[in-house]
Amino acid sequence: MPVTRRAAFHAFSLAAPAIAHAQAEAIRIGEINSYTSQPAFLAPYRNAWALALDEVNAAGGIHGRRLETIFRDDAGRPEDAVRHAGELISNERVHLLAGGFLSNVGLALG
């Protein structure tokens, strides 16, 4: 069955609000690291992350979408990192995960 222009227009009209909403939604990043067990390295790292985030958002974000970061401290314990990852994905609905500075934590996150 051929698609007419009218049918295509109606389909686009119905989808447009959903597309606009999806583009306006912030990109949520879950960042898991060993902040309490490695403060000398990770405190400046987190500060730099916040500065970069502010700079990107001030310039309009990425394709018009703001960035948001949700930080979690795994205290250098792989089991805490895995738990935080699950919570960030399930509860916070992050789009991606970052972090895992320590090898044992990074391996646990897989």
PDB file of N, CA and C in Angstrom:
ATOM      1  N   MET A   1       0.854  -1.177   0.000  1.00  0.00           N
ATOM      2  CA  MET A   1       0.000   0.000   0.000  1.00  0.00           C
ATOM      3  C   MET A   1       0.897   1.235   0.000  1.00  0.00           C
ATOM      4  N   PRO A   2       0.779   2.095  -0.992  1.00  0.00           N
ATOM      5  CA  PRO A   2       1.637   3.274  -1.056  1.00  0.00           C
ATOM      6  C   PRO A   2       1.273   4.287   0.034  1.00  0.00           C
ATOM      7  N   VAL A   3       2.294   4.963   0.526  1.00  0.00           N
ATOM      8  CA  VAL A   3       2.107   5.992   1.548  1.00  0.00           C
ATOM      9  C   VAL A   3       1.872   7.324   0.844  1.00  0.00           C
ATOM     10  N   THR A   4       0.761   7.949   1.164  1.00  0.00           N
ATOM     11  CA  THR A   4       0.459   9.243   0.556  1.00  0.00           C
ATOM     12  C   THR A   4       1.144  10.348   1.345  1.00  0.00           C
ATOM     13  N   ARG A   5       1.238  11.504   0.739  1.00  0.00           N
ATOM     14  CA  ARG A   5       1.833  12.649   1.435  1.00  0.00           C
ATOM     15  C   ARG A   5       1.021  13.005   2.668  1.00  0.00           C
ATOM     16  N   ARG A   6      -0.284  12.912   2.529  1.00  0.00           N
ATOM     17  CA  ARG A   6      -1.161  13.250   3.656  1.00  0.00           C
ATOM     18  C   ARG A   6      -0.910  12.290   4.827  1.00  0.00           C
ATOM     19  N   ALA A   7      -0.792  10.996   4.563  1.00  0.00           N
ATOM     20  CA  ALA A   7      -0.537  10.016   5.627  1.00  0.00           C
ATOM     21  C   ALA A   7       0.828  10.261   6.262  1.00  0.00           C
ATOM     22  N   ALA A   8       1.825  10.562   5.432  1.00  0.00           N
ATOM     23  CA  ALA A   8       3.164  10.836   5.963  1.00  0.00           C
ATOM     24  C   ALA A   8       3.147  12.094   6.827  1.00  0.00           C
ATOM     25  N   PHE A   9       2.423  13.119   6.381  1.00  0.00           N
ATOM     26  CA  PHE A   9       2.320  14.357   7.154  1.00  0.00           C
ATOM     27  C   PHE A   9       1.659  14.098   8.502  1.00  0.00           C
ATOM     28  N   HIS A  10       0.583  13.330   8.506  1.00  0.00           N
ATOM     29  CA  HIS A  10      -0.114  13.028   9.764  1.00  0.00           C
ATOM     30  C   HIS A  10       0.780  12.219  10.698  1.00  0.00           C
ATOM     31  N   ALA A  11       1.508  11.271  10.155  1.00  0.00           N
ATOM     32  CA  ALA A  11       2.418  10.469  10.988  1.00  0.00           C
ATOM     33  C   ALA A  11       3.487  11.359  11.606  1.00  0.00           C
ATOM     34  N   PHE A  12       4.055  12.256  10.804  1.00  0.00           N
ATOM     35  CA  PHE A  12       5.067  13.169  11.334  1.00  0.00           C
ATOM     36  C   PHE A  12       4.465  14.094  12.380  1.00  0.00           C
ATOM     37  N   SER A  13       3.250  14.586  12.130  1.00  0.00           N
ATOM     38  CA  SER A  13       2.592  15.489  13.084  1.00  0.00           C
ATOM     39  C   SER A  13       2.381  14.820  14.432  1.00  0.00           C
ATOM     40  N   LEU A  14       2.050  13.542  14.410  1.00  0.00           N
ATOM     41  CA  LEU A  14       1.855  12.812  15.663  1.00  0.00           C
ATOM     42  C   LEU A  14       3.179  12.554  16.373  1.00  0.00           C
ATOM     43  N   ALA A  15       4.239  12.331  15.615  1.00  0.00           N
ATOM     44  CA  ALA A  15       5.537  12.002  16.209  1.00  0.00           C
ATOM     45  C   ALA A  15       6.326  13.230  16.640  1.00  0.00           C
ATOM     46  N   ALA A  16       6.070  14.381  16.056  1.00  0.00           N
ATOM     47  CA  ALA A  16       6.874  15.579  16.321  1.00  0.00           C
ATOM     48  C   ALA A  16       6.964  15.952  17.791  1.00  0.00           C
ATOM     49  N   PRO A  17       5.873  15.960  18.567  1.00  0.00           N
ATOM     50  CA  PRO A  17       6.014  16.314  19.985  1.00  0.00           C
ATOM     51  C   PRO A  17       6.926  15.359  20.753  1.00  0.00           C
ATOM     52  N   ALA A  18       6.856  14.081  20.438  1.00  0.00           N
ATOM     53  CA  ALA A  18       7.722  13.109  21.118  1.00  0.00           C
ATOM     54  C   ALA A  18       9.179  13.336  20.747  1.00  0.00           C
ATOM     55  N   ILE A  19       9.425  13.645  19.490  1.00  0.00           N
ATOM     56  CA  ILE A  19      10.800  13.909  19.051  1.00  0.00           C
ATOM     57  C   ILE A  19      11.331  15.161  19.737  1.00  0.00           C
ATOM     58  N   ALA A  20      10.529  16.213  19.794  1.00  0.00           N
ATOM     59  CA  ALA A  20      10.964  17.455  20.442  1.00  0.00           C
ATOM     60  C   ALA A  20      11.241  17.225  21.919  1.00  0.00           C
ATOM     61  N   HIS A  21      10.397  16.454  22.579  1.00  0.00           N
ATOM     62  CA  HIS A  21      10.610  16.170  24.007  1.00  0.00           C
ATOM     63  C   HIS A  21      11.899  15.383  24.211  1.00  0.00           C
ATOM     64  N   ALA A  22      12.145  14.397  23.377  1.00  0.00           N
ATOM     65  CA  ALA A  22      13.355  13.585  23.520  1.00  0.00           C
ATOM     66  C   ALA A  22      14.601  14.437  23.320  1.00  0.00           C
ATOM     67  N   GLN A  23      14.566  15.388  22.395  1.00  0.00           N
ATOM     68  CA  GLN A  23      15.726  16.227  22.156  1.00  0.00           C
ATOM     69  C   GLN A  23      15.955  17.206  23.298  1.00  0.00           C
ATOM     70  N   ALA A  24      14.902  17.616  23.982  1.00  0.00           N
ATOM     71  CA  ALA A  24      15.043  18.569  25.072  1.00  0.00           C
ATOM     72  C   ALA A  24      15.506  17.899  26.360  1.00  0.00           C
ATOM     73  N   GLU A  25      15.352  16.596  26.455  1.00  0.00           N
ATOM     74  CA  GLU A  25      15.742  15.867  27.658  1.00  0.00           C
ATOM     75  C   GLU A  25      17.257  15.945  27.856  1.00  0.00           C
ATOM     76  N   ALA A  26      17.665  16.149  29.087  1.00  0.00           N
ATOM     77  CA  ALA A  26      19.100  16.219  29.397  1.00  0.00           C
ATOM     78  C   ALA A  26      19.751  14.854  29.190  1.00  0.00           C
ATOM     79  N   ILE A  27      21.015  14.887  28.840  1.00  0.00           N
ATOM     80  CA  ILE A  27      21.813  13.660  28.776  1.00  0.00           C
ATOM     81  C   ILE A  27      22.355  13.431  30.175  1.00  0.00           C
ATOM     82  N   ARG A  28      21.944  12.337  30.786  1.00  0.00           N
ATOM     83  CA  ARG A  28      22.300  12.049  32.180  1.00  0.00           C
ATOM     84  C   ARG A  28      23.470  11.067  32.209  1.00  0.00           C
ATOM     85  N   ILE A  29      24.521  11.472  32.928  1.00  0.00           N
ATOM     86  CA  ILE A  29      25.733  10.666  33.046  1.00  0.00           C
ATOM     87  C   ILE A  29      25.878  10.221  34.490  1.00  0.00           C
ATOM     88  N   GLY A  30      26.026   8.932  34.693  1.00  0.00           N
ATOM     89  CA  GLY A  30      26.321   8.401  36.020  1.00  0.00           C
ATOM     90  C   GLY A  30      27.828   8.258  36.154  1.00  0.00           C
ATOM     91  N   GLU A  31      28.411   8.892  37.145  1.00  0.00           N
ATOM     92  CA  GLU A  31      29.866   8.871  37.322  1.00  0.00           C
ATOM     93  C   GLU A  31      30.172   8.207  38.662  1.00  0.00           C
ATOM     94  N   ILE A  32      30.847   7.060  38.597  1.00  0.00           N
ATOM     95  CA  ILE A  32      31.179   6.283  39.792  1.00  0.00           C
ATOM     96  C   ILE A  32      32.692   6.294  39.953  1.00  0.00           C
ATOM     97  N   ASN A  33      33.155   6.720  41.133  1.00  0.00           N
ATOM     98  CA  ASN A  33      34.589   6.713  41.380  1.00  0.00           C
ATOM     99  C   ASN A  33      34.876   6.581  42.863  1.00  0.00           C
ATOM    100  N   SER A  34      36.145   6.395  43.171  1.00  0.00           N
ATOM    101  CA  SER A  34      36.607   6.125  44.538  1.00  0.00           C
ATOM    102  C   SER A  34      37.022   7.420  45.224  1.00  0.00           C
ATOM    103  N   TYR A  35      36.077   8.328  45.387  1.00  0.00           N
ATOM    104  CA  TYR A  35      36.380   9.664  45.893  1.00  0.00           C
ATOM    105  C   TYR A  35      36.959   9.657  47.301  1.00  0.00           C
ATOM    106  N   THR A  36      36.452   8.822  48.189  1.00  0.00           N
ATOM    107  CA  THR A  36      36.961   8.828  49.564  1.00  0.00           C
ATOM    108  C   THR A  36      38.260   8.052  49.703  1.00  0.00           C
ATOM    109  N   SER A  37      38.513   7.082  48.831  1.00  0.00           N
ATOM    110  CA  SER A  37      39.755   6.314  48.959  1.00  0.00           C
ATOM    111  C   SER A  37      40.907   6.914  48.155  1.00  0.00           C
ATOM    112  N   GLN A  38      40.634   7.792  47.207  1.00  0.00           N
ATOM    113  CA  GLN A  38      41.667   8.427  46.372  1.00  0.00           C
ATOM    114  C   GLN A  38      41.434   9.941  46.260  1.00  0.00           C
ATOM    115  N   PRO A  39      41.304  10.651  47.385  1.00  0.00           N
ATOM    116  CA  PRO A  39      40.929  12.074  47.305  1.00  0.00           C
ATOM    117  C   PRO A  39      41.978  12.963  46.633  1.00  0.00           C
ATOM    118  N   ALA A  40      43.259  12.645  46.777  1.00  0.00           N
ATOM    119  CA  ALA A  40      44.299  13.510  46.199  1.00  0.00           C
ATOM    120  C   ALA A  40      44.174  13.592  44.679  1.00  0.00           C
ATOM    121  N   PHE A  41      43.801  12.502  44.055  1.00  0.00           N
ATOM    122  CA  PHE A  41      43.643  12.495  42.602  1.00  0.00           C
ATOM    123  C   PHE A  41      42.223  12.868  42.188  1.00  0.00           C
ATOM    124  N   LEU A  42      41.243  12.323  42.882  1.00  0.00           N
ATOM    125  CA  LEU A  42      39.873  12.425  42.394  1.00  0.00           C
ATOM    126  C   LEU A  42      39.147  13.714  42.766  1.00  0.00           C
ATOM    127  N   ALA A  43      39.601  14.445  43.765  1.00  0.00           N
ATOM    128  CA  ALA A  43      38.972  15.746  44.058  1.00  0.00           C
ATOM    129  C   ALA A  43      39.220  16.730  42.906  1.00  0.00           C
ATOM    130  N   PRO A  44      40.464  16.885  42.422  1.00  0.00           N
ATOM    131  CA  PRO A  44      40.676  17.760  41.266  1.00  0.00           C
ATOM    132  C   PRO A  44      39.967  17.245  40.003  1.00  0.00           C
ATOM    133  N   TYR A  45      39.925  15.928  39.848  1.00  0.00           N
ATOM    134  CA  TYR A  45      39.234  15.313  38.707  1.00  0.00           C
ATOM    135  C   TYR A  45      37.758  15.713  38.704  1.00  0.00           C
ATOM    136  N   ARG A  46      37.125  15.608  39.872  1.00  0.00           N
ATOM    137  CA  ARG A  46      35.700  15.949  39.965  1.00  0.00           C
ATOM    138  C   ARG A  46      35.483  17.444  39.726  1.00  0.00           C
ATOM    139  N   ASN A  47      36.376  18.275  40.231  1.00  0.00           N
ATOM    140  CA  ASN A  47      36.271  19.720  39.992  1.00  0.00           C
ATOM    141  C   ASN A  47      36.406  20.038  38.505  1.00  0.00           C
ATOM    142  N   ALA A  48      37.357  19.385  37.839  1.00  0.00           N
ATOM    143  CA  ALA A  48      37.545  19.598  36.402  1.00  0.00           C
ATOM    144  C   ALA A  48      36.317  19.123  35.624  1.00  0.00           C
ATOM    145  N   TRP A  49      35.744  18.006  36.059  1.00  0.00           N
ATOM    146  CA  TRP A  49      34.523  17.486  35.422  1.00  0.00           C
ATOM    147  C   TRP A  49      33.417  18.544  35.504  1.00  0.00           C
ATOM    148  N   ALA A  50      33.243  19.126  36.694  1.00  0.00           N
ATOM    149  CA  ALA A  50      32.193  20.127  36.896  1.00  0.00           C
ATOM    150  C   ALA A  50      32.436  21.361  36.023  1.00  0.00           C
ATOM    151  N   LEU A  51      33.691  21.796  35.911  1.00  0.00           N
ATOM    152  CA  LEU A  51      34.010  22.941  35.053  1.00  0.00           C
ATOM    153  C   LEU A  51      33.699  22.635  33.592  1.00  0.00           C
ATOM    154  N   ALA A  52      34.085  21.450  33.131  1.00  0.00           N
ATOM    155  CA  ALA A  52      33.816  21.058  31.744  1.00  0.00           C
ATOM    156  C   ALA A  52      32.314  20.971  31.487  1.00  0.00           C
ATOM    157  N   LEU A  53      31.587  20.430  32.440  1.00  0.00           N
ATOM    158  CA  LEU A  53      30.133  20.317  32.321  1.00  0.00           C
ATOM    159  C   LEU A  53      29.497  21.701  32.187  1.00  0.00           C
ATOM    160  N   ASP A  54      29.934  22.634  33.028  1.00  0.00           N
ATOM    161  CA  ASP A  54      29.420  24.006  32.959  1.00  0.00           C
ATOM    162  C   ASP A  54      29.733  24.648  31.608  1.00  0.00           C
ATOM    163  N   GLU A  55      30.933  24.411  31.107  1.00  0.00           N
ATOM    164  CA  GLU A  55      31.336  24.997  29.829  1.00  0.00           C
ATOM    165  C   GLU A  55      30.497  24.443  28.675  1.00  0.00           C
ATOM    166  N   VAL A  56      30.300  23.133  28.660  1.00  0.00           N
ATOM    167  CA  VAL A  56      29.496  22.516  27.598  1.00  0.00           C
ATOM    168  C   VAL A  56      28.061  23.029  27.660  1.00  0.00           C
ATOM    169  N   ASN A  57      27.489  23.065  28.848  1.00  0.00           N
ATOM    170  CA  ASN A  57      26.102  23.522  28.985  1.00  0.00           C
ATOM    171  C   ASN A  57      25.949  24.998  28.644  1.00  0.00           C
ATOM    172  N   ALA A  58      26.948  25.824  28.993  1.00  0.00           N
ATOM    173  CA  ALA A  58      26.899  27.252  28.666  1.00  0.00           C
ATOM    174  C   ALA A  58      26.941  27.479  27.157  1.00  0.00           C
ATOM    175  N   ALA A  59      27.565  26.547  26.440  1.00  0.00           N
ATOM    176  CA  ALA A  59      27.651  26.650  24.985  1.00  0.00           C
ATOM    177  C   ALA A  59      26.444  26.012  24.288  1.00  0.00           C
ATOM    178  N   GLY A  60      25.454  25.605  25.058  1.00  0.00           N
ATOM    179  CA  GLY A  60      24.244  25.046  24.452  1.00  0.00           C
ATOM    180  C   GLY A  60      24.116  23.547  24.569  1.00  0.00           C
ATOM    181  N   GLY A  61      25.034  22.910  25.277  1.00  0.00           N
ATOM    182  CA  GLY A  61      24.952  21.459  25.459  1.00  0.00           C
ATOM    183  C   GLY A  61      25.424  20.708  24.228  1.00  0.00           C
ATOM    184  N   ILE A  62      24.925  19.513  24.072  1.00  0.00           N
ATOM    185  CA  ILE A  62      25.255  18.671  22.920  1.00  0.00           C
ATOM    186  C   ILE A  62      23.985  18.519  22.095  1.00  0.00           C
ATOM    187  N   HIS A  63      24.007  19.062  20.895  1.00  0.00           N
ATOM    188  CA  HIS A  63      22.824  19.081  20.028  1.00  0.00           C
ATOM    189  C   HIS A  63      21.615  19.641  20.775  1.00  0.00           C
ATOM    190  N   GLY A  64      21.864  20.680  21.575  1.00  0.00           N
ATOM    191  CA  GLY A  64      20.796  21.347  22.296  1.00  0.00           C
ATOM    192  C   GLY A  64      20.363  20.671  23.586  1.00  0.00           C
ATOM    193  N   ARG A  65      21.008  19.580  23.943  1.00  0.00           N
ATOM    194  CA  ARG A  65      20.649  18.855  25.168  1.00  0.00           C
ATOM    195  C   ARG A  65      21.694  19.133  26.244  1.00  0.00           C
ATOM    196  N   ARG A  66      21.223  19.552  27.426  1.00  0.00           N
ATOM    197  CA  ARG A  66      22.119  19.801  28.555  1.00  0.00           C
ATOM    198  C   ARG A  66      22.688  18.489  29.065  1.00  0.00           C
ATOM    199  N   LEU A  67      23.851  18.579  29.686  1.00  0.00           N
ATOM    200  CA  LEU A  67      24.452  17.427  30.354  1.00  0.00           C
ATOM    201  C   LEU A  67      24.192  17.528  31.849  1.00  0.00           C
ATOM    202  N   GLU A  68      23.877  16.408  32.466  1.00  0.00           N
ATOM    203  CA  GLU A  68      23.738  16.314  33.919  1.00  0.00           C
ATOM    204  C   GLU A  68      24.597  15.146  34.379  1.00  0.00           C
ATOM    205  N   THR A  69      25.271  15.326  35.501  1.00  0.00           N
ATOM    206  CA  THR A  69      26.068  14.240  36.056  1.00  0.00           C
ATOM    207  C   THR A  69      25.577  13.916  37.453  1.00  0.00           C
ATOM    208  N   ILE A  70      25.447  12.629  37.714  1.00  0.00           N
ATOM    209  CA  ILE A  70      25.090  12.143  39.043  1.00  0.00           C
ATOM    210  C   ILE A  70      26.302  11.370  39.546  1.00  0.00           C
ATOM    211  N   PHE A  71      26.940  11.891  40.592  1.00  0.00           N
ATOM    212  CA  PHE A  71      28.163  11.299  41.131  1.00  0.00           C
ATOM    213  C   PHE A  71      27.843  10.291  42.225  1.00  0.00           C
ATOM    214  N   ARG A  72      28.606   9.205  42.244  1.00  0.00           N
ATOM    215  CA  ARG A  72      28.523   8.215  43.315  1.00  0.00           C
ATOM    216  C   ARG A  72      29.940   7.832  43.737  1.00  0.00           C
ATOM    217  N   ASP A  73      30.113   7.610  45.033  1.00  0.00           N
ATOM    218  CA  ASP A  73      31.409   7.218  45.601  1.00  0.00           C
ATOM    219  C   ASP A  73      31.379   5.726  45.919  1.00  0.00           C
ATOM    220  N   ASP A  74      32.265   4.964  45.280  1.00  0.00           N
ATOM    221  CA  ASP A  74      32.327   3.526  45.554  1.00  0.00           C
ATOM    222  C   ASP A  74      33.319   3.182  46.660  1.00  0.00           C
ATOM    223  N   ALA A  75      34.052   4.187  47.163  1.00  0.00           N
ATOM    224  CA  ALA A  75      35.029   4.017  48.247  1.00  0.00           C
ATOM    225  C   ALA A  75      36.072   2.946  47.934  1.00  0.00           C
ATOM    226  N   GLY A  76      36.310   2.695  46.665  1.00  0.00           N
ATOM    227  CA  GLY A  76      37.306   1.700  46.275  1.00  0.00           C
ATOM    228  C   GLY A  76      36.824   0.262  46.392  1.00  0.00           C
ATOM    229  N   ARG A  77      35.534   0.061  46.610  1.00  0.00           N
ATOM    230  CA  ARG A  77      34.981  -1.289  46.776  1.00  0.00           C
ATOM    231  C   ARG A  77      34.180  -1.684  45.534  1.00  0.00           C
ATOM    232  N   PRO A  78      34.614  -2.744  44.848  1.00  0.00           N
ATOM    233  CA  PRO A  78      33.914  -3.176  43.632  1.00  0.00           C
ATOM    234  C   PRO A  78      32.427  -3.449  43.853  1.00  0.00           C
ATOM    235  N   GLU A  79      32.091  -4.054  44.996  1.00  0.00           N
ATOM    236  CA  GLU A  79      30.678  -4.372  45.246  1.00  0.00           C
ATOM    237  C   GLU A  79      29.826  -3.101  45.358  1.00  0.00           C
ATOM    238  N   ASP A  80      30.402  -2.036  45.908  1.00  0.00           N
ATOM    239  CA  ASP A  80      29.675  -0.764  45.980  1.00  0.00           C
ATOM    240  C   ASP A  80      29.506  -0.160  44.586  1.00  0.00           C
ATOM    241  N   ALA A  81      30.546  -0.267  43.764  1.00  0.00           N
ATOM    242  CA  ALA A  81      30.472   0.267  42.403  1.00  0.00           C
ATOM    243  C   ALA A  81      29.379  -0.432  41.603  1.00  0.00           C
ATOM    244  N   VAL A  82      29.307  -1.751  41.719  1.00  0.00           N
ATOM    245  CA  VAL A  82      28.284  -2.509  40.992  1.00  0.00           C
ATOM    246  C   VAL A  82      26.886  -2.120  41.484  1.00  0.00           C
ATOM    247  N   ARG A  83      26.727  -1.968  42.788  1.00  0.00           N
ATOM    248  CA  ARG A  83      25.433  -1.556  43.347  1.00  0.00           C
ATOM    249  C   ARG A  83      25.052  -0.163  42.840  1.00  0.00           C
ATOM    250  N   HIS A  84      26.020   0.768  42.879  1.00  0.00           N
ATOM    251  CA  HIS A  84      25.751   2.128  42.389  1.00  0.00           C
ATOM    252  C   HIS A  84      25.379   2.115  40.905  1.00  0.00           C
ATOM    253  N   ALA A  85      26.079   1.304  40.115  1.00  0.00           N
ATOM    254  CA  ALA A  85      25.779   1.229  38.681  1.00  0.00           C
ATOM    255  C   ALA A  85      24.338   0.785  38.458  1.00  0.00           C
ATOM    256  N   GLY A  86      23.918  -0.232  39.189  1.00  0.00           N
ATOM    257  CA  GLY A  86      22.537  -0.699  39.061  1.00  0.00           C
ATOM    258  C   GLY A  86      21.529   0.368  39.437  1.00  0.00           C
ATOM    259  N   GLU A  87      21.808   1.095  40.519  1.00  0.00           N
ATOM    260  CA  GLU A  87      20.902   2.160  40.960  1.00  0.00           C
ATOM    261  C   GLU A  87      20.860   3.311  39.954  1.00  0.00           C
ATOM    262  N   LEU A  88      22.027   3.669  39.422  1.00  0.00           N
ATOM    263  CA  LEU A  88      22.071   4.765  38.452  1.00  0.00           C
ATOM    264  C   LEU A  88      21.288   4.415  37.186  1.00  0.00           C
ATOM    265  N   ILE A  89      21.402   3.175  36.756  1.00  0.00           N
ATOM    266  CA  ILE A  89      20.693   2.753  35.546  1.00  0.00           C
ATOM    267  C   ILE A  89      19.200   2.600  35.818  1.00  0.00           C
ATOM    268  N   SER A  90      18.852   1.915  36.887  1.00  0.00           N
ATOM    269  CA  SER A  90      17.441   1.616  37.166  1.00  0.00           C
ATOM    270  C   SER A  90      16.667   2.803  37.724  1.00  0.00           C
ATOM    271  N   ASN A  91      17.231   3.469  38.717  1.00  0.00           N
ATOM    272  CA  ASN A  91      16.496   4.535  39.410  1.00  0.00           C
ATOM    273  C   ASN A  91      16.708   5.911  38.793  1.00  0.00           C
ATOM    274  N   GLU A  92      17.947   6.222  38.455  1.00  0.00           N
ATOM    275  CA  GLU A  92      18.271   7.561  37.942  1.00  0.00           C
ATOM    276  C   GLU A  92      18.126   7.665  36.430  1.00  0.00           C
ATOM    277  N   ARG A  93      18.002   6.526  35.756  1.00  0.00           N
ATOM    278  CA  ARG A  93      17.819   6.485  34.301  1.00  0.00           C
ATOM    279  C   ARG A  93      18.932   7.215  33.541  1.00  0.00           C
ATOM    280  N   VAL A  94      20.181   6.961  33.935  1.00  0.00           N
ATOM    281  CA  VAL A  94      21.298   7.589  33.234  1.00  0.00           C
ATOM    282  C   VAL A  94      21.427   6.995  31.836  1.00  0.00           C
ATOM    283  N   HIS A  95      21.991   7.773  30.932  1.00  0.00           N
ATOM    284  CA  HIS A  95      22.201   7.331  29.562  1.00  0.00           C
ATOM    285  C   HIS A  95      23.536   6.619  29.397  1.00  0.00           C
ATOM    286  N   LEU A  96      24.489   6.952  30.262  1.00  0.00           N
ATOM    287  CA  LEU A  96      25.790   6.291  30.204  1.00  0.00           C
ATOM    288  C   LEU A  96      26.453   6.347  31.566  1.00  0.00           C
ATOM    289  N   LEU A  97      27.417   5.450  31.751  1.00  0.00           N
ATOM    290  CA  LEU A  97      28.200   5.404  32.986  1.00  0.00           C
ATOM    291  C   LEU A  97      29.638   5.771  32.678  1.00  0.00           C
ATOM    292  N   ALA A  98      30.284   6.442  33.623  1.00  0.00           N
ATOM    293  CA  ALA A  98      31.695   6.800  33.500  1.00  0.00           C
ATOM    294  C   ALA A  98      32.361   6.542  34.839  1.00  0.00           C
ATOM    295  N   GLY A  99      33.676   6.525  34.841  1.00  0.00           N
ATOM    296  CA  GLY A  99      34.422   6.374  36.086  1.00  0.00           C
ATOM    297  C   GLY A  99      35.175   5.066  36.136  1.00  0.00           C
ATOM    298  N   GLY A 100      35.333   4.557  37.353  1.00  0.00           N
ATOM    299  CA  GLY A 100      36.067   3.307  37.531  1.00  0.00           C
ATOM    300  C   GLY A 100      37.565   3.492  37.414  1.00  0.00           C
ATOM    301  N   PHE A 101      38.113   4.455  38.154  1.00  0.00           N
ATOM    302  CA  PHE A 101      39.545   4.753  38.096  1.00  0.00           C
ATOM    303  C   PHE A 101      40.399   3.573  38.556  1.00  0.00           C
ATOM    304  N   LEU A 102      39.999   2.913  39.630  1.00  0.00           N
ATOM    305  CA  LEU A 102      40.772   1.783  40.147  1.00  0.00           C
ATOM    306  C   LEU A 102      40.502   0.527  39.315  1.00  0.00           C
ATOM    307  N   SER A 103      41.552  -0.256  39.061  1.00  0.00           N
ATOM    308  CA  SER A 103      41.424  -1.441  38.212  1.00  0.00           C
ATOM    309  C   SER A 103      40.395  -2.429  38.729  1.00  0.00           C
ATOM    310  N   ASN A 104      40.443  -2.721  40.038  1.00  0.00           N
ATOM    311  CA  ASN A 104      39.511  -3.713  40.571  1.00  0.00           C
ATOM    312  C   ASN A 104      38.059  -3.252  40.437  1.00  0.00           C
ATOM    313  N   VAL A 105      37.833  -1.968  40.557  1.00  0.00           N
ATOM    314  CA  VAL A 105      36.480  -1.424  40.407  1.00  0.00           C
ATOM    315  C   VAL A 105      36.070  -1.452  38.934  1.00  0.00           C
ATOM    316  N   GLY A 106      36.954  -1.022  38.059  1.00  0.00           N
ATOM    317  CA  GLY A 106      36.659  -1.023  36.628  1.00  0.00           C
ATOM    318  C   GLY A 106      36.356  -2.412  36.099  1.00  0.00           C
ATOM    319  N   LEU A 107      37.112  -3.407  36.562  1.00  0.00           N
ATOM    320  CA  LEU A 107      36.858  -4.782  36.134  1.00  0.00           C
ATOM    321  C   LEU A 107      35.498  -5.268  36.627  1.00  0.00           C
ATOM    322  N   ALA A 108      35.126  -4.895  37.837  1.00  0.00           N
ATOM    323  CA  ALA A 108      33.824  -5.304  38.370  1.00  0.00           C
ATOM    324  C   ALA A 108      32.679  -4.670  37.579  1.00  0.00           C
ATOM    325  N   LEU A 109      32.894  -3.445  37.115  1.00  0.00           N
ATOM    326  CA  LEU A 109      31.859  -2.765  36.339  1.00  0.00           C
ATOM    327  C   LEU A 109      31.744  -3.340  34.936  1.00  0.00           C
ATOM    328  N   GLY A 110      32.812  -4.009  34.495  1.00  0.00           N
ATOM    329  CA  GLY A 110      32.804  -4.750  33.246  1.00  0.00           C
ATOM    330  C   GLY A 110      32.812  -3.951  32.015  1.00  0.00           C
TER     331      GLY A 110
END
